[in-house]
Amino acid sequence: MEVHHHAHKPKNWKEYITEFLMLFLAVSLGFLAENIREHQVEKEREIKFLQNIHLDLKSDIIEIDKDIESNLKKQHMGDTMLNSYADGKLLKNLPDFYFFIRNISLRKLLENSNNGFIQLKNAGGLRMIENKKIIHDIQEYENLIIKIERLENISENTFQNFRFKATKILDVTTVTEMNREQILSASDSNFVRFFKPAHPQPLITQDKAEINELLNLASYALNTNVYIVRNLEKLKQQAIALDNYILAEYGQKFD
């Protein structure tokens, strides 16, 4: 039995070109669709990160106001204490002396909200954000926070020496009484935590050099405090400007 094979008509060059173009177009469209999808995903992530940064900035502005208020109160108390010493009144008024020494070195450090900033960095950094101005302003904002933290560390180290020096001058009985009566649930805006002792014990030493060293430490720390306040005020301005810009550019896309 003979088997007849059907002869296939050979393709001409136009058909080969057509098939090639169709295959190329299909691959290209698939690649383009994938790029568009990835871009949309990246854009959604960018918007979400900026929304989180917006929320961070709102919290920061409130926290910065509290820090400025606390530092200004500390500055005022320090000035009052040093002026009273210069007038020769401070050492004659032991309730005031104990009150100033205990409260002047209370800690109040900047606690900025950085969840959005951390998420952004963990996701690949600022490359997620297309707007160059926002990238620049975020970097400036974070750099100023680092500067403030350094100044706070300088002030805190000086006040740590101040507290240690105070242990050699203040009577432990009065200090213990003040500790028992302190305002443990004070709000962030309440700078004073220790009450004036009604009947303080005499100081351990009346040595002028010792007391002068104690107050010098306070003076140095308070001088650093001036620069902290100035930079906090600048940080608040940057936070407001950056937040307003983010809202203007992306706010309508936030949830």
C-alpha atoms as a PDB file:
ATOM      1  CA  MET A   1       0.000   0.000   0.000  1.00  0.00           C
ATOM      2  CA  GLU A   2       1.317   3.290  -0.920  1.00  0.00           C
ATOM      3  CA  VAL A   3       1.221   6.122   1.599  1.00  0.00           C
ATOM      4  CA  HIS A   4       0.814   9.509   0.045  1.00  0.00           C
ATOM      5  CA  HIS A   5       2.341  12.374   1.994  1.00  0.00           C
ATOM      6  CA  HIS A   6       0.664  15.723   1.559  1.00  0.00           C
ATOM      7  CA  ALA A   7       3.128  18.227   0.469  1.00  0.00           C
ATOM      8  CA  HIS A   8       3.203  21.428   2.602  1.00  0.00           C
ATOM      9  CA  LYS A   9       3.401  24.588   0.708  1.00  0.00           C
ATOM     10  CA  PRO A  10       6.531  26.413   1.821  1.00  0.00           C
ATOM     11  CA  LYS A  11       6.021  29.730   3.606  1.00  0.00           C
ATOM     12  CA  ASN A  12       7.123  32.840   1.907  1.00  0.00           C
ATOM     13  CA  TRP A  13       9.274  35.397   3.644  1.00  0.00           C
ATOM     14  CA  LYS A  14       6.319  37.659   4.417  1.00  0.00           C
ATOM     15  CA  GLU A  15       4.698  34.983   6.574  1.00  0.00           C
ATOM     16  CA  TYR A  16       7.900  34.456   8.550  1.00  0.00           C
ATOM     17  CA  ILE A  17       8.157  38.194   9.164  1.00  0.00           C
ATOM     18  CA  THR A  18       4.507  38.364  10.200  1.00  0.00           C
ATOM     19  CA  GLU A  19       4.909  35.508  12.712  1.00  0.00           C
ATOM     20  CA  PHE A  20       8.078  37.062  14.087  1.00  0.00           C
ATOM     21  CA  LEU A  21       6.391  40.441  14.497  1.00  0.00           C
ATOM     22  CA  MET A  22       3.367  38.874  16.223  1.00  0.00           C
ATOM     23  CA  LEU A  23       5.612  36.952  18.629  1.00  0.00           C
ATOM     24  CA  PHE A  24       7.730  40.036  19.293  1.00  0.00           C
ATOM     25  CA  LEU A  25       4.610  42.128  19.875  1.00  0.00           C
ATOM     26  CA  ALA A  26       3.162  39.567  22.311  1.00  0.00           C
ATOM     27  CA  VAL A  27       6.384  39.437  24.326  1.00  0.00           C
ATOM     28  CA  SER A  28       6.720  43.223  24.288  1.00  0.00           C
ATOM     29  CA  LEU A  29       3.139  43.769  25.414  1.00  0.00           C
ATOM     30  CA  GLY A  30       3.583  41.235  28.200  1.00  0.00           C
ATOM     31  CA  PHE A  31       6.767  42.952  29.333  1.00  0.00           C
ATOM     32  CA  LEU A  32       5.087  46.371  29.136  1.00  0.00           C
ATOM     33  CA  ALA A  33       2.057  45.148  31.106  1.00  0.00           C
ATOM     34  CA  GLU A  34       4.347  43.753  33.818  1.00  0.00           C
ATOM     35  CA  ASN A  35       6.252  47.042  34.005  1.00  0.00           C
ATOM     36  CA  ILE A  36       3.008  48.978  34.334  1.00  0.00           C
ATOM     37  CA  ARG A  37       1.805  46.653  37.063  1.00  0.00           C
ATOM     38  CA  GLU A  38       5.106  46.960  38.970  1.00  0.00           C
ATOM     39  CA  HIS A  39       5.033  50.738  38.586  1.00  0.00           C
ATOM     40  CA  GLN A  40       1.504  50.867  39.986  1.00  0.00           C
ATOM     41  CA  VAL A  41       2.544  48.713  42.935  1.00  0.00           C
ATOM     42  CA  GLU A  42       5.591  50.930  43.569  1.00  0.00           C
ATOM     43  CA  LYS A  43       3.414  54.051  43.322  1.00  0.00           C
ATOM     44  CA  GLU A  44       0.933  52.646  45.828  1.00  0.00           C
ATOM     45  CA  ARG A  45       3.796  51.825  48.200  1.00  0.00           C
ATOM     46  CA  GLU A  46       5.250  55.314  47.747  1.00  0.00           C
ATOM     47  CA  ILE A  47       1.891  56.883  48.645  1.00  0.00           C
ATOM     48  CA  LYS A  48       1.519  54.622  51.682  1.00  0.00           C
ATOM     49  CA  PHE A  49       5.015  55.440  52.939  1.00  0.00           C
ATOM     50  CA  LEU A  50       4.399  59.164  52.519  1.00  0.00           C
ATOM     51  CA  GLN A  51       1.105  58.849  54.367  1.00  0.00           C
ATOM     52  CA  ASN A  52       2.948  57.205  57.268  1.00  0.00           C
ATOM     53  CA  ILE A  53       5.564  59.976  57.202  1.00  0.00           C
ATOM     54  CA  HIS A  54       2.723  62.519  57.275  1.00  0.00           C
ATOM     55  CA  LEU A  55       1.396  60.840  60.440  1.00  0.00           C
ATOM     56  CA  ASP A  56       4.923  60.848  61.926  1.00  0.00           C
ATOM     57  CA  LEU A  57       5.264  64.558  61.259  1.00  0.00           C
ATOM     58  CA  LYS A  58       1.915  65.333  62.880  1.00  0.00           C
ATOM     59  CA  SER A  59       3.038  63.492  66.022  1.00  0.00           C
ATOM     60  CA  ASP A  60       6.466  65.142  65.894  1.00  0.00           C
ATOM     61  CA  ILE A  61       5.004  68.654  65.803  1.00  0.00           C
ATOM     62  CA  ILE A  62       3.070  67.957  69.014  1.00  0.00           C
ATOM     63  CA  GLU A  63       6.136  66.389  70.666  1.00  0.00           C
ATOM     64  CA  ILE A  64       8.426  69.251  69.579  1.00  0.00           C
ATOM     65  CA  ASP A  65       6.048  71.796  71.121  1.00  0.00           C
ATOM     66  CA  LYS A  66       6.191  69.889  74.420  1.00  0.00           C
ATOM     67  CA  ASP A  67       9.990  69.757  74.277  1.00  0.00           C
ATOM     68  CA  ILE A  68      10.263  73.473  73.557  1.00  0.00           C
ATOM     69  CA  GLU A  69       7.919  74.257  76.453  1.00  0.00           C
ATOM     70  CA  SER A  70       9.830  71.975  78.820  1.00  0.00           C
ATOM     71  CA  ASN A  71      13.211  73.376  77.823  1.00  0.00           C
ATOM     72  CA  LEU A  72      12.023  76.975  78.151  1.00  0.00           C
ATOM     73  CA  LYS A  73      10.722  76.221  81.656  1.00  0.00           C
ATOM     74  CA  LYS A  74      14.061  74.642  82.512  1.00  0.00           C
ATOM     75  CA  GLN A  75      15.839  77.711  81.135  1.00  0.00           C
ATOM     76  CA  HIS A  76      13.651  80.058  83.175  1.00  0.00           C
ATOM     77  CA  MET A  77      14.189  78.032  86.347  1.00  0.00           C
ATOM     78  CA  GLY A  78      17.946  77.976  85.747  1.00  0.00           C
ATOM     79  CA  ASP A  79      18.089  81.729  85.236  1.00  0.00           C
ATOM     80  CA  THR A  80      16.069  82.274  88.410  1.00  0.00           C
ATOM     81  CA  MET A  81      18.379  79.980  90.370  1.00  0.00           C
ATOM     82  CA  LEU A  82      21.596  81.590  89.121  1.00  0.00           C
ATOM     83  CA  ASN A  83      20.259  85.129  89.621  1.00  0.00           C
ATOM     84  CA  SER A  84      19.232  84.228  93.165  1.00  0.00           C
ATOM     85  CA  TYR A  85      22.731  82.913  93.832  1.00  0.00           C
ATOM     86  CA  ALA A  86      24.296  86.064  92.382  1.00  0.00           C
ATOM     87  CA  ASP A  87      22.099  88.181  94.665  1.00  0.00           C
ATOM     88  CA  GLY A  88      23.214  86.192  97.708  1.00  0.00           C
ATOM     89  CA  LYS A  89      19.683  84.872  98.390  1.00  0.00           C
ATOM     90  CA  LEU A  90      19.870  81.254  97.217  1.00  0.00           C
ATOM     91  CA  LEU A  91      21.900  79.768 100.054  1.00  0.00           C
ATOM     92  CA  LYS A  92      19.723  81.585 102.609  1.00  0.00           C
ATOM     93  CA  ASN A  93      16.612  79.892 101.260  1.00  0.00           C
ATOM     94  CA  LEU A  94      17.181  76.122 101.542  1.00  0.00           C
ATOM     95  CA  PRO A  95      13.689  75.107 100.290  1.00  0.00           C
ATOM     96  CA  ASP A  96      14.424  77.008  97.064  1.00  0.00           C
ATOM     97  CA  PHE A  97      17.938  75.568  96.825  1.00  0.00           C
ATOM     98  CA  TYR A  98      16.739  71.969  97.104  1.00  0.00           C
ATOM     99  CA  PHE A  99      13.809  72.690  94.784  1.00  0.00           C
ATOM    100  CA  PHE A 100      15.993  74.161  92.023  1.00  0.00           C
ATOM    101  CA  ILE A 101      18.762  71.568  92.254  1.00  0.00           C
ATOM    102  CA  ARG A 102      16.353  68.617  92.089  1.00  0.00           C
ATOM    103  CA  ASN A 103      14.184  69.940  89.245  1.00  0.00           C
ATOM    104  CA  ILE A 104      16.753  71.671  87.060  1.00  0.00           C
ATOM    105  CA  SER A 105      18.297  68.426  85.849  1.00  0.00           C
ATOM    106  CA  LEU A 106      15.097  66.555  84.958  1.00  0.00           C
ATOM    107  CA  ARG A 107      15.380  64.743  81.626  1.00  0.00           C
ATOM    108  CA  LYS A 108      13.146  65.619  78.687  1.00  0.00           C
ATOM    109  CA  LEU A 109      14.605  64.307  75.435  1.00  0.00           C
ATOM    110  CA  LEU A 110      13.115  64.501  71.970  1.00  0.00           C
ATOM    111  CA  GLU A 111      11.119  61.361  71.161  1.00  0.00           C
ATOM    112  CA  ASN A 112      10.300  61.723  67.508  1.00  0.00           C
ATOM    113  CA  SER A 113       7.902  59.358  65.781  1.00  0.00           C
ATOM    114  CA  ASN A 114       9.850  57.580  63.046  1.00  0.00           C
ATOM    115  CA  ASN A 115       7.775  54.540  62.037  1.00  0.00           C
ATOM    116  CA  GLY A 116       7.214  55.856  58.523  1.00  0.00           C
ATOM    117  CA  PHE A 117      10.860  56.824  58.085  1.00  0.00           C
ATOM    118  CA  ILE A 118      12.029  53.386  59.238  1.00  0.00           C
ATOM    119  CA  GLN A 119       9.562  51.584  56.957  1.00  0.00           C
ATOM    120  CA  LEU A 120      10.741  53.670  54.024  1.00  0.00           C
ATOM    121  CA  LYS A 121      14.395  52.796  54.646  1.00  0.00           C
ATOM    122  CA  ASN A 122      13.662  49.117  55.161  1.00  0.00           C
ATOM    123  CA  ALA A 123      11.780  49.057  51.860  1.00  0.00           C
ATOM    124  CA  GLY A 124      14.758  50.270  49.887  1.00  0.00           C
ATOM    125  CA  GLY A 125      15.354  53.820  50.906  1.00  0.00           C
ATOM    126  CA  LEU A 126      14.382  57.099  49.361  1.00  0.00           C
ATOM    127  CA  ARG A 127      14.493  55.664  45.838  1.00  0.00           C
ATOM    128  CA  MET A 128      10.830  54.811  46.463  1.00  0.00           C
ATOM    129  CA  ILE A 129       9.988  58.524  46.294  1.00  0.00           C
ATOM    130  CA  GLU A 130      10.009  60.198  42.889  1.00  0.00           C
ATOM    131  CA  ASN A 131       9.665  63.769  44.166  1.00  0.00           C
ATOM    132  CA  LYS A 132      13.229  65.076  44.630  1.00  0.00           C
ATOM    133  CA  LYS A 133      12.183  67.947  46.896  1.00  0.00           C
ATOM    134  CA  ILE A 134      10.584  65.544  49.364  1.00  0.00           C
ATOM    135  CA  ILE A 135      13.740  63.418  49.360  1.00  0.00           C
ATOM    136  CA  HIS A 136      15.872  66.494  50.085  1.00  0.00           C
ATOM    137  CA  ASP A 137      13.546  67.762  52.826  1.00  0.00           C
ATOM    138  CA  ILE A 138      13.373  64.352  54.538  1.00  0.00           C
ATOM    139  CA  GLN A 139      17.177  64.178  54.593  1.00  0.00           C
ATOM    140  CA  GLU A 140      17.418  67.709  56.011  1.00  0.00           C
ATOM    141  CA  TYR A 141      14.821  66.863  58.655  1.00  0.00           C
ATOM    142  CA  GLU A 142      16.627  63.706  59.767  1.00  0.00           C
ATOM    143  CA  ASN A 143      19.990  65.509  59.838  1.00  0.00           C
ATOM    144  CA  LEU A 144      18.559  68.169  62.156  1.00  0.00           C
ATOM    145  CA  ILE A 145      17.161  65.491  64.476  1.00  0.00           C
ATOM    146  CA  ILE A 146      20.655  63.953  64.680  1.00  0.00           C
ATOM    147  CA  LYS A 147      22.091  67.390  65.533  1.00  0.00           C
ATOM    148  CA  ILE A 148      19.519  67.888  68.304  1.00  0.00           C
ATOM    149  CA  GLU A 149      20.230  64.436  69.727  1.00  0.00           C
ATOM    150  CA  ARG A 150      23.934  65.281  69.877  1.00  0.00           C
ATOM    151  CA  LEU A 151      23.220  68.516  71.733  1.00  0.00           C
ATOM    152  CA  GLU A 152      20.903  66.664  74.108  1.00  0.00           C
ATOM    153  CA  ASN A 153      23.661  64.146  74.812  1.00  0.00           C
ATOM    154  CA  ILE A 154      26.080  66.965  75.622  1.00  0.00           C
ATOM    155  CA  SER A 155      23.543  68.571  77.965  1.00  0.00           C
ATOM    156  CA  GLU A 156      22.642  65.250  79.588  1.00  0.00           C
ATOM    157  CA  ASN A 157      26.297  64.341  80.191  1.00  0.00           C
ATOM    158  CA  THR A 158      26.851  67.687  81.890  1.00  0.00           C
ATOM    159  CA  PHE A 159      23.727  67.287  83.988  1.00  0.00           C
ATOM    160  CA  GLN A 160      24.872  63.785  84.933  1.00  0.00           C
ATOM    161  CA  ASN A 161      28.012  65.327  86.427  1.00  0.00           C
ATOM    162  CA  PHE A 162      25.751  67.934  88.044  1.00  0.00           C
ATOM    163  CA  ARG A 163      23.639  65.215  89.718  1.00  0.00           C
ATOM    164  CA  PHE A 164      26.746  63.432  90.956  1.00  0.00           C
ATOM    165  CA  LYS A 165      28.101  66.676  92.400  1.00  0.00           C
ATOM    166  CA  ALA A 166      24.755  67.359  94.073  1.00  0.00           C
ATOM    167  CA  THR A 167      25.044  64.109  96.055  1.00  0.00           C
ATOM    168  CA  LYS A 168      28.023  65.643  97.849  1.00  0.00           C
ATOM    169  CA  ILE A 169      26.098  68.791  98.819  1.00  0.00           C
ATOM    170  CA  LEU A 170      22.437  67.879  99.431  1.00  0.00           C
ATOM    171  CA  ASP A 171      21.403  66.085 102.614  1.00  0.00           C
ATOM    172  CA  VAL A 172      20.106  62.580 101.914  1.00  0.00           C
ATOM    173  CA  THR A 173      17.211  62.870 104.380  1.00  0.00           C
ATOM    174  CA  THR A 174      15.691  65.810 102.547  1.00  0.00           C
ATOM    175  CA  VAL A 175      16.391  64.232  99.157  1.00  0.00           C
ATOM    176  CA  THR A 176      14.597  61.053 100.245  1.00  0.00           C
ATOM    177  CA  GLU A 177      11.591  63.017 101.467  1.00  0.00           C
ATOM    178  CA  MET A 178      11.392  64.840  98.129  1.00  0.00           C
ATOM    179  CA  ASN A 179      11.604  61.516  96.291  1.00  0.00           C
ATOM    180  CA  ARG A 180       8.655  60.156  98.277  1.00  0.00           C
ATOM    181  CA  GLU A 181       6.508  63.203  97.531  1.00  0.00           C
ATOM    182  CA  GLN A 182       7.427  63.671  93.886  1.00  0.00           C
ATOM    183  CA  ILE A 183       4.755  63.871  91.187  1.00  0.00           C
ATOM    184  CA  LEU A 184       5.178  60.456  89.605  1.00  0.00           C
ATOM    185  CA  SER A 185       2.235  60.887  87.222  1.00  0.00           C
ATOM    186  CA  ALA A 186       3.191  64.317  85.952  1.00  0.00           C
ATOM    187  CA  SER A 187       2.114  65.151  82.429  1.00  0.00           C
ATOM    188  CA  ASP A 188       4.654  65.914  79.720  1.00  0.00           C
ATOM    189  CA  SER A 189       3.870  69.616  80.008  1.00  0.00           C
ATOM    190  CA  ASN A 190       4.459  69.693  83.787  1.00  0.00           C
ATOM    191  CA  PHE A 191       8.140  70.485  84.153  1.00  0.00           C
ATOM    192  CA  VAL A 192       8.246  70.512  87.974  1.00  0.00           C
ATOM    193  CA  ARG A 193       8.315  67.043  89.554  1.00  0.00           C
ATOM    194  CA  PHE A 194       9.751  67.688  93.027  1.00  0.00           C
ATOM    195  CA  PHE A 195       7.999  69.860  95.619  1.00  0.00           C
ATOM    196  CA  LYS A 196       9.816  72.341  97.824  1.00  0.00           C
ATOM    197  CA  PRO A 197      10.711  70.675 101.120  1.00  0.00           C
ATOM    198  CA  ALA A 198       9.008  72.384 104.040  1.00  0.00           C
ATOM    199  CA  HIS A 199      11.812  71.719 106.528  1.00  0.00           C
ATOM    200  CA  PRO A 200      15.015  70.864 104.644  1.00  0.00           C
ATOM    201  CA  GLN A 201      18.118  69.675 106.435  1.00  0.00           C
ATOM    202  CA  PRO A 202      21.260  71.862 106.239  1.00  0.00           C
ATOM    203  CA  LEU A 203      23.561  71.276 103.302  1.00  0.00           C
ATOM    204  CA  ILE A 204      26.393  68.792 103.782  1.00  0.00           C
ATOM    205  CA  THR A 205      28.887  71.515 102.952  1.00  0.00           C
ATOM    206  CA  GLN A 206      28.844  75.282 102.740  1.00  0.00           C
ATOM    207  CA  ASP A 207      32.128  75.308 100.854  1.00  0.00           C
ATOM    208  CA  LYS A 208      31.835  78.067  98.269  1.00  0.00           C
ATOM    209  CA  ALA A 209      34.079  76.310  95.745  1.00  0.00           C
ATOM    210  CA  GLU A 210      31.968  73.129  95.884  1.00  0.00           C
ATOM    211  CA  ILE A 211      28.691  75.002  95.432  1.00  0.00           C
ATOM    212  CA  ASN A 212      30.199  77.187  92.715  1.00  0.00           C
ATOM    213  CA  GLU A 213      31.273  74.054  90.799  1.00  0.00           C
ATOM    214  CA  LEU A 214      27.740  72.647  91.088  1.00  0.00           C
ATOM    215  CA  LEU A 215      26.159  75.802  89.706  1.00  0.00           C
ATOM    216  CA  ASN A 216      28.793  76.089  86.982  1.00  0.00           C
ATOM    217  CA  LEU A 217      27.793  72.643  85.723  1.00  0.00           C
ATOM    218  CA  ALA A 218      24.170  73.791  85.625  1.00  0.00           C
ATOM    219  CA  SER A 219      25.175  76.937  83.759  1.00  0.00           C
ATOM    220  CA  TYR A 220      27.079  74.991  81.090  1.00  0.00           C
ATOM    221  CA  ALA A 221      24.208  72.559  80.592  1.00  0.00           C
ATOM    222  CA  LEU A 222      21.678  75.391  80.378  1.00  0.00           C
ATOM    223  CA  ASN A 223      23.804  77.144  77.767  1.00  0.00           C
ATOM    224  CA  THR A 224      23.605  74.029  75.601  1.00  0.00           C
ATOM    225  CA  ASN A 225      19.877  74.047  76.291  1.00  0.00           C
ATOM    226  CA  VAL A 226      19.601  77.403  74.490  1.00  0.00           C
ATOM    227  CA  TYR A 227      20.902  75.817  71.283  1.00  0.00           C
ATOM    228  CA  ILE A 228      18.583  72.847  71.745  1.00  0.00           C
ATOM    229  CA  VAL A 229      15.563  75.171  71.844  1.00  0.00           C
ATOM    230  CA  ARG A 230      16.712  77.066  68.741  1.00  0.00           C
ATOM    231  CA  ASN A 231      17.115  73.836  66.801  1.00  0.00           C
ATOM    232  CA  LEU A 232      13.796  72.473  68.057  1.00  0.00           C
ATOM    233  CA  GLU A 233      12.082  75.601  66.754  1.00  0.00           C
ATOM    234  CA  LYS A 234      13.811  75.116  63.412  1.00  0.00           C
ATOM    235  CA  LEU A 235      12.816  71.437  63.405  1.00  0.00           C
ATOM    236  CA  LYS A 236       9.181  72.388  63.980  1.00  0.00           C
ATOM    237  CA  GLN A 237       9.280  74.755  61.006  1.00  0.00           C
ATOM    238  CA  GLN A 238      10.786  72.019  58.824  1.00  0.00           C
ATOM    239  CA  ALA A 239       8.182  69.495  59.998  1.00  0.00           C
ATOM    240  CA  ILE A 240       5.302  71.843  59.177  1.00  0.00           C
ATOM    241  CA  ALA A 241       6.743  72.775  55.765  1.00  0.00           C
ATOM    242  CA  LEU A 242       7.465  69.155  54.805  1.00  0.00           C
ATOM    243  CA  ASP A 243       4.058  67.951  55.970  1.00  0.00           C
ATOM    244  CA  ASN A 244       2.261  70.729  54.093  1.00  0.00           C
ATOM    245  CA  TYR A 245       4.168  69.907  50.916  1.00  0.00           C
ATOM    246  CA  ILE A 246       3.424  66.171  51.195  1.00  0.00           C
ATOM    247  CA  LEU A 247      -0.272  66.917  51.706  1.00  0.00           C
ATOM    248  CA  ALA A 248      -0.334  69.302  48.751  1.00  0.00           C
ATOM    249  CA  GLU A 249       1.304  66.769  46.432  1.00  0.00           C
ATOM    250  CA  TYR A 250      -0.147  63.476  47.682  1.00  0.00           C
ATOM    251  CA  GLY A 251      -2.822  64.229  50.283  1.00  0.00           C
ATOM    252  CA  GLN A 252      -5.728  63.593  47.898  1.00  0.00           C
ATOM    253  CA  LYS A 253      -4.420  60.049  47.383  1.00  0.00           C
ATOM    254  CA  PHE A 254      -4.234  59.157  51.079  1.00  0.00           C
ATOM    255  CA  ASP A 255      -6.763  56.770  52.597  1.00  0.00           C
END
